[in-house]
Protein backbone atom coordinates (compact mmCIF):
# COMPACT_ATOMS: atom_id res chain seq x y z
CA MET A 1 23.17 -12.89 -20.12
CA THR A 2 20.80 -15.09 -18.15
CA LEU A 3 21.57 -15.94 -14.57
CA GLN A 4 20.17 -19.11 -12.73
CA LEU A 5 18.60 -18.25 -9.38
CA PRO A 6 19.14 -20.50 -6.63
CA ASN A 7 16.90 -22.43 -4.95
CA ASP A 8 13.88 -20.81 -3.28
CA PRO A 9 10.80 -21.28 -2.63
CA ALA A 10 10.20 -17.82 -4.62
CA ARG A 11 11.94 -18.64 -7.72
CA SER A 12 9.30 -20.24 -9.32
CA ASP A 13 7.04 -16.95 -8.95
CA VAL A 14 9.75 -14.85 -9.86
CA LEU A 15 10.54 -16.06 -13.05
CA SER A 16 6.96 -16.44 -14.16
CA ALA A 17 6.12 -13.10 -13.16
CA ARG A 18 3.89 -13.98 -10.50
CA PRO A 19 2.84 -11.95 -7.37
CA THR A 20 5.04 -13.50 -4.95
CA LEU A 21 7.08 -13.36 -1.48
CA TRP A 22 10.75 -13.37 -0.94
CA ILE A 23 11.84 -14.32 2.83
CA ASN A 24 15.79 -13.05 3.20
CA SER A 25 17.20 -15.90 4.83
CA LEU A 26 20.58 -13.25 5.88
CA TYR A 27 17.88 -11.08 7.74
CA ARG A 28 19.41 -10.76 11.25
CA ASP A 29 19.16 -8.99 14.51
CA ASP A 30 20.73 -5.61 15.32
CA ALA A 31 22.55 -5.47 11.90
CA ILE A 32 22.45 -2.11 11.52
CA GLY A 33 25.24 -2.30 14.21
CA ASP A 34 27.71 -3.97 11.92
CA THR A 35 30.99 -1.63 11.95
CA CYS A 36 31.51 -3.25 8.51
CA LEU A 37 28.21 -0.55 6.75
CA PRO A 38 29.31 2.04 4.64
CA LEU A 39 27.17 4.41 6.96
CA VAL A 40 26.73 4.49 11.12
CA PRO A 41 23.23 4.95 12.82
CA ASP A 42 24.42 8.55 14.41
CA GLN A 43 24.69 10.24 10.78
CA VAL A 44 20.87 9.87 11.32
CA ASP A 45 21.18 12.39 13.68
CA VAL A 46 22.75 14.40 12.04
CA ALA A 47 20.68 14.49 8.92
CA GLN A 48 18.03 15.27 11.74
CA SER A 49 19.89 17.81 12.79
CA ASP A 50 20.14 19.53 8.96
CA TRP A 51 17.26 19.33 8.78
CA GLU A 52 16.41 22.00 11.72
CA ARG A 53 18.80 23.83 10.93
CA LEU A 54 17.84 24.63 7.27
CA ALA A 55 13.87 24.80 8.27
CA PRO A 56 13.85 28.73 8.56
CA LEU A 57 15.24 28.69 4.95
CA LEU A 58 12.84 25.79 3.82
CA GLU A 59 10.05 27.65 4.94
CA THR A 60 11.20 31.28 3.21
CA CYS A 61 11.44 28.64 0.04
CA PHE A 62 8.05 26.79 0.32
CA PRO A 63 5.07 28.81 1.56
CA GLU A 64 2.98 25.34 2.21
CA LEU A 65 5.99 24.77 4.52
CA LYS A 66 4.82 27.58 7.04
CA LYS A 67 2.30 25.55 8.70
CA THR A 68 4.51 23.15 9.87
CA ALA A 69 7.87 25.40 10.38
CA GLY A 70 9.57 24.29 7.51
CA ALA A 71 9.04 20.65 8.20
CA ILE A 72 8.49 18.57 5.35
CA ARG A 73 6.53 15.34 7.04
CA SER A 74 3.39 13.53 6.10
CA ASP A 75 0.08 12.51 8.27
CA LEU A 76 -0.16 8.72 9.05
CA THR A 77 -3.64 7.18 8.65
CA GLU A 78 -5.72 4.83 10.34
CA LEU A 79 -7.23 2.79 7.60
CA HIS A 80 -10.40 1.75 9.35
CA ALA A 81 -12.44 1.34 6.28
CA LEU A 82 -10.05 0.74 3.30
CA ARG A 83 -8.47 -3.02 5.63
CA GLU A 84 -11.94 -3.86 5.22
CA ALA A 85 -11.76 -3.43 1.50
CA LEU A 86 -8.48 -4.74 0.73
CA GLY A 87 -9.63 -8.06 2.38
CA TYR A 88 -7.52 -7.22 5.98
CA GLY A 89 -11.17 -6.72 8.11
CA GLY A 90 -9.81 -9.65 10.89
CA GLY A 91 -8.41 -8.85 14.18
CA GLU A 92 -5.16 -11.28 12.62
CA PHE A 93 -4.55 -8.45 11.06
CA GLY A 94 -3.81 -6.14 13.64
CA ARG A 95 -3.50 -2.07 13.11
CA VAL A 96 -2.89 -0.92 9.50
CA PHE A 97 -1.74 2.47 8.71
CA ALA A 98 -1.05 4.35 5.92
CA LYS A 99 2.28 7.09 5.87
CA ALA A 100 1.06 9.54 3.44
CA ASP A 101 4.11 10.33 1.64
CA SER A 102 1.97 10.74 -1.63
CA ALA A 103 0.93 14.06 0.19
CA LEU A 104 3.84 15.43 1.06
CA PRO A 105 4.21 19.15 0.65
CA VAL A 106 7.13 20.47 -2.10
CA ALA A 107 7.29 17.29 -4.72
CA GLY A 108 4.38 15.40 -3.93
CA SER A 109 6.56 12.20 -2.92
CA ILE A 110 8.47 10.37 -0.71
CA LYS A 111 11.59 11.48 -3.24
CA ALA A 112 11.10 15.25 -1.39
CA ARG A 113 12.93 14.22 1.56
CA GLY A 114 15.67 12.70 -0.26
CA GLY A 115 15.86 15.53 -3.28
CA VAL A 116 15.62 18.16 -1.60
CA TYR A 117 17.31 17.42 1.53
CA GLU A 118 20.77 16.51 -0.46
CA VAL A 119 19.89 19.35 -2.97
CA PHE A 120 19.53 22.12 0.34
CA VAL A 121 22.60 20.93 2.11
CA PHE A 122 24.48 20.64 -1.03
CA ALA A 123 23.59 24.74 -1.11
CA GLU A 124 24.51 25.36 2.61
CA GLU A 125 28.22 23.41 2.41
CA LEU A 126 28.62 25.90 -0.93
CA ALA A 127 27.38 28.62 0.38
CA ARG A 128 29.67 28.63 3.76
CA ARG A 129 32.68 27.15 1.27
CA GLU A 130 32.83 30.17 -0.54
CA GLY A 131 32.61 32.86 2.03
CA LEU A 132 28.75 33.96 0.60
CA ILE A 133 27.15 33.07 4.20
CA GLY A 134 29.25 32.98 8.16
CA ASP A 135 28.62 30.46 11.14
CA ARG A 136 26.22 33.00 12.81
CA GLU A 137 24.44 34.23 9.98
CA ASP A 138 20.49 33.85 9.14
CA ILE A 139 20.37 30.70 7.01
CA ARG A 140 17.61 32.54 5.06
CA HIS A 141 20.08 34.49 3.40
CA LEU A 142 19.98 31.62 1.00
CA ALA A 143 17.07 32.81 -0.25
CA SER A 144 18.28 36.06 -0.95
CA ALA A 145 18.80 38.21 -3.78
CA GLU A 146 22.17 37.61 -3.92
CA ALA A 147 22.52 34.11 -2.95
CA ARG A 148 19.97 33.34 -6.29
CA ALA A 149 22.89 34.95 -8.33
CA PHE A 150 25.56 32.87 -6.52
CA PHE A 151 23.57 30.25 -7.38
CA SER A 152 22.46 30.43 -10.68
CA SER A 153 26.13 30.16 -11.92
CA TYR A 154 25.98 25.87 -10.75
CA SER A 155 23.83 23.45 -12.02
CA ILE A 156 22.39 20.13 -10.37
CA ALA A 157 22.31 17.11 -12.49
CA VAL A 158 19.95 14.16 -11.85
CA GLY A 159 18.72 10.94 -13.81
CA SER A 160 15.47 9.78 -12.94
CA THR A 161 12.24 7.97 -14.01
CA GLY A 162 10.23 11.32 -12.72
CA ASN A 163 9.90 11.55 -9.17
CA LEU A 164 12.83 11.87 -7.31
CA GLY A 165 13.71 14.40 -10.79
CA LEU A 166 10.87 16.66 -9.54
CA SER A 167 12.15 16.49 -6.16
CA VAL A 168 15.59 18.02 -7.54
CA GLY A 169 14.70 20.77 -9.56
CA VAL A 170 12.19 21.79 -7.57
CA ALA A 171 14.33 22.29 -5.11
CA ALA A 172 17.19 23.63 -7.16
CA ARG A 173 15.01 26.36 -8.96
CA ALA A 174 13.64 27.26 -5.50
CA LEU A 175 17.45 28.75 -4.83
CA GLY A 176 18.29 29.84 -8.47
CA PHE A 177 20.25 26.47 -9.55
CA GLU A 178 20.17 25.62 -12.99
CA ALA A 179 19.28 22.31 -13.32
CA THR A 180 19.17 19.09 -15.72
CA VAL A 181 17.09 15.83 -15.02
CA HIS A 182 17.80 13.27 -17.17
CA MET A 183 14.66 10.86 -17.54
CA SER A 184 14.42 7.47 -18.64
CA SER A 185 11.70 6.41 -21.70
CA ASP A 186 9.42 5.48 -19.35
CA ALA A 187 8.98 8.60 -17.20
CA LYS A 188 5.37 9.38 -17.48
CA PRO A 189 4.77 13.28 -20.18
CA TRP A 190 3.13 15.14 -16.77
CA LYS A 191 5.77 14.94 -15.39
CA VAL A 192 8.47 16.38 -17.67
CA GLU A 193 6.32 19.32 -18.12
CA ARG A 194 6.12 19.87 -14.85
CA LEU A 195 9.96 20.31 -14.39
CA ARG A 196 9.92 22.12 -17.72
CA LYS A 197 7.12 25.18 -16.67
CA LEU A 198 9.70 25.10 -13.48
CA GLY A 199 12.20 26.01 -15.90
CA VAL A 200 14.04 22.58 -15.84
CA LYS A 201 16.12 21.61 -18.44
CA VAL A 202 14.86 17.88 -18.86
CA VAL A 203 17.12 15.19 -21.44
CA GLN A 204 15.44 12.59 -21.90
CA HIS A 205 16.69 8.90 -23.36
CA GLU A 206 15.45 5.93 -24.96
CA ALA A 207 16.38 3.69 -22.78
CA ASP A 208 15.82 2.79 -19.33
CA TYR A 209 16.54 4.46 -15.51
CA THR A 210 19.95 2.93 -15.10
CA THR A 211 21.16 4.16 -18.45
CA ALA A 212 19.45 7.40 -17.75
CA VAL A 213 21.85 8.07 -14.54
CA GLU A 214 24.91 6.86 -16.27
CA ASN A 215 24.32 9.63 -18.43
CA ALA A 216 23.17 12.00 -16.46
CA ARG A 217 26.76 11.19 -14.05
CA SER A 218 28.71 11.22 -17.38
CA ALA A 219 27.93 14.72 -18.54
CA ALA A 220 28.05 15.97 -14.89
CA GLU A 221 32.38 14.66 -14.28
CA ASP A 222 33.09 16.59 -17.93
CA ASP A 223 31.98 19.97 -15.65
CA PRO A 224 33.03 21.36 -12.22
CA ALA A 225 30.20 23.58 -12.14
CA VAL A 226 27.35 20.50 -12.21
CA TYR A 227 26.86 18.73 -9.18
CA PHE A 228 25.58 15.04 -9.59
CA VAL A 229 22.71 14.04 -7.30
CA ASP A 230 23.36 10.12 -7.59
CA ASP A 231 20.94 8.18 -6.94
CA GLU A 232 22.60 4.97 -7.00
CA GLN A 233 25.28 5.96 -4.74
CA SER A 234 23.94 9.05 -3.06
CA ARG A 235 24.33 8.99 0.89
CA ARG A 236 22.60 12.31 1.62
CA LEU A 237 19.75 10.88 -0.46
CA PHE A 238 20.03 7.86 1.85
CA LEU A 239 20.07 10.12 5.28
CA GLY A 240 17.89 12.26 3.95
CA TYR A 241 15.10 9.63 3.58
CA SER A 242 15.67 7.89 7.25
CA VAL A 243 14.73 11.05 9.02
CA ALA A 244 11.09 9.84 8.62
CA ALA A 245 11.24 6.64 10.98
CA SER A 246 11.86 9.36 13.49
CA GLU A 247 9.07 10.68 12.42
CA LEU A 248 7.18 7.96 12.44
CA VAL A 249 7.60 7.39 16.28
CA ASP A 250 5.66 10.42 17.42
CA GLN A 251 2.83 9.59 15.32
CA LEU A 252 2.31 6.05 16.07
CA GLN A 253 2.97 7.07 19.66
CA THR A 254 -0.18 9.71 19.08
CA PHE A 255 -2.51 6.74 18.10
CA GLY A 256 -1.69 4.80 21.32
CA VAL A 257 0.63 1.75 19.43
CA ALA A 258 3.23 0.25 21.00
CA VAL A 259 6.59 -0.77 19.22
CA ASP A 260 7.99 -3.60 21.56
CA ALA A 261 8.36 -7.34 21.27
CA ASP A 262 5.00 -7.95 22.13
CA HIS A 263 3.75 -5.11 19.33
CA PRO A 264 5.79 -5.74 15.97
CA LEU A 265 5.92 -2.97 13.72
CA PHE A 266 5.90 -4.07 9.70
CA LEU A 267 6.64 -1.38 7.05
CA TYR A 268 5.73 -1.83 3.11
CA LEU A 269 8.31 0.51 1.02
CA PRO A 270 7.53 0.42 -2.94
CA CYS A 271 11.49 0.01 -3.93
CA GLY A 272 12.60 1.43 -7.53
CA ILE A 273 16.37 1.43 -7.07
CA GLY A 274 16.39 1.41 -3.43
CA GLY A 275 17.50 4.77 -1.83
CA ALA A 276 14.51 5.79 -0.58
CA PRO A 277 12.86 2.53 1.29
CA GLY A 278 16.35 1.77 2.23
CA GLY A 279 17.01 5.45 4.32
CA VAL A 280 13.74 4.29 5.83
CA THR A 281 14.33 0.87 6.75
CA TYR A 282 17.68 2.17 8.40
CA GLY A 283 16.04 4.74 10.05
CA ALA A 284 13.50 2.61 11.56
CA LYS A 285 16.11 -0.35 12.54
CA LYS A 286 17.84 2.64 14.28
CA VAL A 287 14.38 4.02 16.63
CA PHE A 288 13.18 0.45 16.50
CA GLY A 289 15.31 -1.66 16.50
CA ASP A 290 14.57 -5.50 15.94
CA ASN A 291 10.97 -4.83 16.64
CA ALA A 292 10.31 -3.30 13.03
CA HIS A 293 9.98 -5.64 10.21
CA CYS A 294 11.06 -3.86 6.57
CA PHE A 295 9.92 -5.36 3.26
CA PHE A 296 10.79 -4.23 -0.30
CA VAL A 297 7.61 -4.12 -2.79
CA GLU A 298 8.32 -4.43 -6.01
CA PRO A 299 6.69 -5.62 -10.01
CA VAL A 300 6.55 -8.62 -11.10
CA GLN A 301 8.74 -7.75 -13.79
CA SER A 302 10.85 -5.04 -11.99
CA PRO A 303 11.64 -6.30 -9.03
CA CYS A 304 15.81 -5.84 -9.46
CA ALA A 305 16.49 -5.97 -5.14
CA LEU A 306 14.59 -9.28 -5.16
CA VAL A 307 16.84 -10.79 -7.74
CA HIS A 308 19.75 -9.32 -6.83
CA MET A 309 19.54 -10.07 -2.97
CA MET A 310 17.81 -13.95 -4.27
CA SER A 311 20.97 -14.23 -5.92
CA GLY A 312 23.44 -13.76 -3.43
CA SER A 313 26.03 -12.32 -6.08
CA GLU A 314 28.83 -10.00 -5.12
CA GLU A 315 27.91 -8.05 -8.51
CA LEU A 316 24.88 -6.52 -9.12
CA VAL A 317 21.95 -8.26 -10.74
CA SER A 318 19.72 -6.85 -13.62
CA VAL A 319 16.58 -7.88 -13.65
CA TYR A 320 17.17 -8.87 -17.91
CA ASP A 321 19.52 -11.09 -16.50
CA VAL A 322 16.54 -13.90 -15.91
CA GLY A 323 14.54 -13.25 -18.78
CA LEU A 324 12.40 -9.81 -16.89
CA THR A 325 11.43 -7.62 -19.44
CA ASN A 326 11.60 -3.79 -16.69
CA SER A 327 7.67 -2.78 -18.01
CA THR A 328 5.39 -1.67 -15.59
CA GLU A 329 2.94 1.57 -15.33
CA ALA A 330 4.67 1.99 -11.93
CA ASP A 331 6.73 4.28 -13.65
CA GLY A 332 9.06 5.17 -10.20
CA MET A 333 9.49 1.36 -9.77
CA ALA A 334 10.55 0.62 -13.00
CA VAL A 335 14.14 -0.04 -12.38
CA ALA A 336 16.65 -2.82 -13.58
CA ARG A 337 19.51 -2.74 -11.22
CA MET A 338 19.17 -1.80 -7.92
CA SER A 339 21.59 0.65 -5.61
CA ALA A 340 24.82 -1.16 -4.66
CA PHE A 341 25.26 0.57 -1.74
CA VAL A 342 22.44 0.43 -0.73
CA ALA A 343 22.35 -3.85 -1.59
CA THR A 344 25.20 -3.89 0.55
CA VAL A 345 23.60 -2.62 3.69
CA MET A 346 20.32 -3.87 3.82
CA ARG A 347 22.03 -7.39 2.91
CA ASN A 348 21.58 -8.18 6.53
CA MET A 349 18.35 -5.45 7.50
CA LEU A 350 15.56 -5.96 5.12
CA ALA A 351 13.06 -9.11 6.40
CA GLY A 352 12.48 -9.51 2.34
CA VAL A 353 10.63 -8.69 -0.55
CA PHE A 354 7.21 -9.14 -2.19
CA THR A 355 6.23 -8.26 -5.81
CA VAL A 356 2.53 -7.59 -7.48
CA ASP A 357 1.39 -6.67 -10.87
CA ASP A 358 0.04 -3.93 -12.59
CA ALA A 359 -4.00 -4.81 -12.51
CA SER A 360 -3.66 -5.27 -8.51
CA LEU A 361 -2.06 -1.87 -8.73
CA PHE A 362 -4.76 -0.16 -10.11
CA ARG A 363 -7.22 -2.07 -8.44
CA TRP A 364 -6.16 -0.64 -5.07
CA LEU A 365 -5.58 2.70 -6.00
CA LEU A 366 -8.85 2.74 -6.96
CA LEU A 367 -10.00 1.23 -3.68
CA ALA A 368 -7.86 3.26 -1.55
CA HIS A 369 -8.92 6.78 -3.28
CA GLU A 370 -13.15 5.15 -3.40
CA VAL A 371 -12.76 4.10 0.78
CA GLN A 372 -10.15 6.32 2.07
CA GLY A 373 -9.95 9.09 0.06
CA LEU A 374 -6.37 8.99 -1.38
CA ARG A 375 -5.01 10.11 -4.09
CA LEU A 376 -1.88 8.07 -5.47
CA GLU A 377 -0.07 6.79 -8.04
CA PRO A 378 -0.27 3.32 -8.93
CA SER A 379 3.59 2.74 -8.12
CA ALA A 380 2.27 4.42 -4.37
CA ALA A 381 -0.48 1.59 -4.07
CA ALA A 382 2.31 -1.37 -3.97
CA GLY A 383 2.07 -2.00 -0.24
CA PHE A 384 -1.05 -2.35 0.08
CA ALA A 385 -0.07 -6.54 -0.54
CA GLY A 386 1.80 -6.25 2.51
CA PRO A 387 -0.61 -7.20 5.13
CA GLY A 388 -2.08 -10.18 3.01
CA PHE A 389 1.35 -11.51 2.55
CA ILE A 390 2.44 -11.83 5.69
CA VAL A 391 -0.62 -13.03 7.25
CA LYS A 392 -1.53 -15.54 4.67
CA HIS A 393 0.98 -16.43 2.84
CA PRO A 394 2.91 -19.75 3.40
CA GLN A 395 6.44 -17.26 3.75
CA GLY A 396 5.27 -14.96 5.73
CA ARG A 397 3.61 -17.75 8.35
CA ALA A 398 7.12 -19.13 8.07
CA PHE A 399 8.50 -15.46 8.86
CA CYS A 400 6.69 -15.23 11.66
CA GLU A 401 6.82 -18.54 13.40
CA ARG A 402 10.91 -18.22 12.91
CA LEU A 403 10.75 -14.91 14.59
CA LYS A 404 8.38 -16.11 17.08
CA LEU A 405 5.81 -13.66 16.03
CA SER A 406 2.70 -16.15 14.96
CA ASP A 407 1.28 -15.29 18.14
CA ARG A 408 1.42 -11.99 18.17
CA LEU A 409 0.07 -10.45 15.07
CA ARG A 410 -3.26 -9.65 16.45
CA GLN A 411 -0.93 -6.64 18.25
CA ALA A 412 1.08 -6.16 15.36
CA THR A 413 0.73 -2.34 13.57
CA HIS A 414 1.09 -2.59 9.30
CA VAL A 415 2.40 0.89 7.92
CA VAL A 416 1.62 0.82 3.75
CA TRP A 417 4.53 3.61 3.27
CA THR A 418 2.10 5.66 0.09
CA THR A 419 5.11 7.14 -1.66
CA GLY A 420 3.57 9.57 -4.71
CA GLY A 421 0.34 10.60 -6.13
CA SER A 422 -0.74 14.41 -5.33
CA PHE A 423 0.58 15.93 -7.72
CA VAL A 424 -0.61 14.07 -10.60
CA PRO A 425 -2.47 15.96 -12.84
CA GLN A 426 -6.13 15.54 -12.61
CA GLU A 427 -6.68 14.43 -16.49
CA GLN A 428 -3.79 11.81 -15.45
CA PHE A 429 -5.59 10.91 -12.71
CA ASP A 430 -9.14 10.34 -13.78
CA GLN A 431 -6.93 8.07 -16.81
CA PHE A 432 -5.90 6.09 -13.73
CA LEU A 433 -9.46 5.26 -12.66
CA GLU A 434 -10.92 4.34 -15.91
CA ILE A 435 -8.23 1.45 -16.02
CA ALA A 436 -9.12 0.23 -12.98
CA GLN A 437 -12.53 0.51 -13.44
CA ALA A 438 -12.22 -1.25 -17.13
CA SER A 439 -10.24 -4.19 -15.63
CA ARG A 440 -13.19 -4.25 -12.69
CA SER A 441 -15.90 -4.36 -15.03
CA ARG A 442 -14.25 -7.37 -16.78
């Protein structure tokens, strides 16, 4: 199937796999208030309460969380040196930060926010339903030998290119569940090996991410003792991610950053199937309102959110439908078709999508390491293109003019969400650096 994308300034670049910026013409104020959406903002508050209630259990299961009393959170870092290396030294770029989910504890990526949340919420729900824990009983009982024996008769399944599988696998095994991760052909070997060392069953498919998810879902449907974490449809995953925006509020205040009509906030979020960046976007719109403008970033050959949202189609559009290959070194972003659930929620809420090529991912990965000391995997470096697209690209300038932001850019804040990398083995990370250095020397 070959799909004709509608006329749009970004169309030629998209079809030719050139880095570009697409602006969502349906983007509008107060989209989060739409009553037709499949969730409501108050659910973010419920998710926040869930995290707080589960914190003692998380601290018990993961000793690395003792210093945060069971909270899974990442640092916000102002990129004083790196912005210069990236070409963002001018005052027109405002302030530039990195939200370092690349260093999140437990799973080393943004997926810790969603995968751990869904597994632990399910475990509590199951335990209460089966009478393992009472309403007033200490939540830490779910880490007891009795609870582990109970959970061992159940299994958690998920389809993943890597990071979600790691998150779900780590969380499931910490509580005693059996766990199975269905992985696509482009999953990195080190992620497969790490899961197997945790006692997770890994099923590899000679196909892409979408097929891996379909196989995982099918296998789970046949067994009532299997709980399926559905990356395409899960509201729990989505809401687990959404709470990150509330965390960002306090951190920006610590840096003396205001977010209001005169001080806009731009968030740049790497996108695979869309659940993590969609959840963060939803949470950001809840806490910052129309003063936050969220952009997904995708590889030039795997822009599943861009091609679907640009198409205007009610049916999901795949990158294959427009002649792209879905081939990228950014394994977490090698997704051909975005989540229908996320597409519905983001329809009027997402400001736009920009695309990047693999060579740039490695260049930024190297710069981030050399200049800022960040340890990233290629997909996690994608957001560094964001400030340049907003300030310098014709469509970025047009977007700012339309929203009357052009004269406020010097007062703006740009947050690049670095989504994974700290768990990458040293040997693999050295290979990333070698690829980047070889490209630099050419």
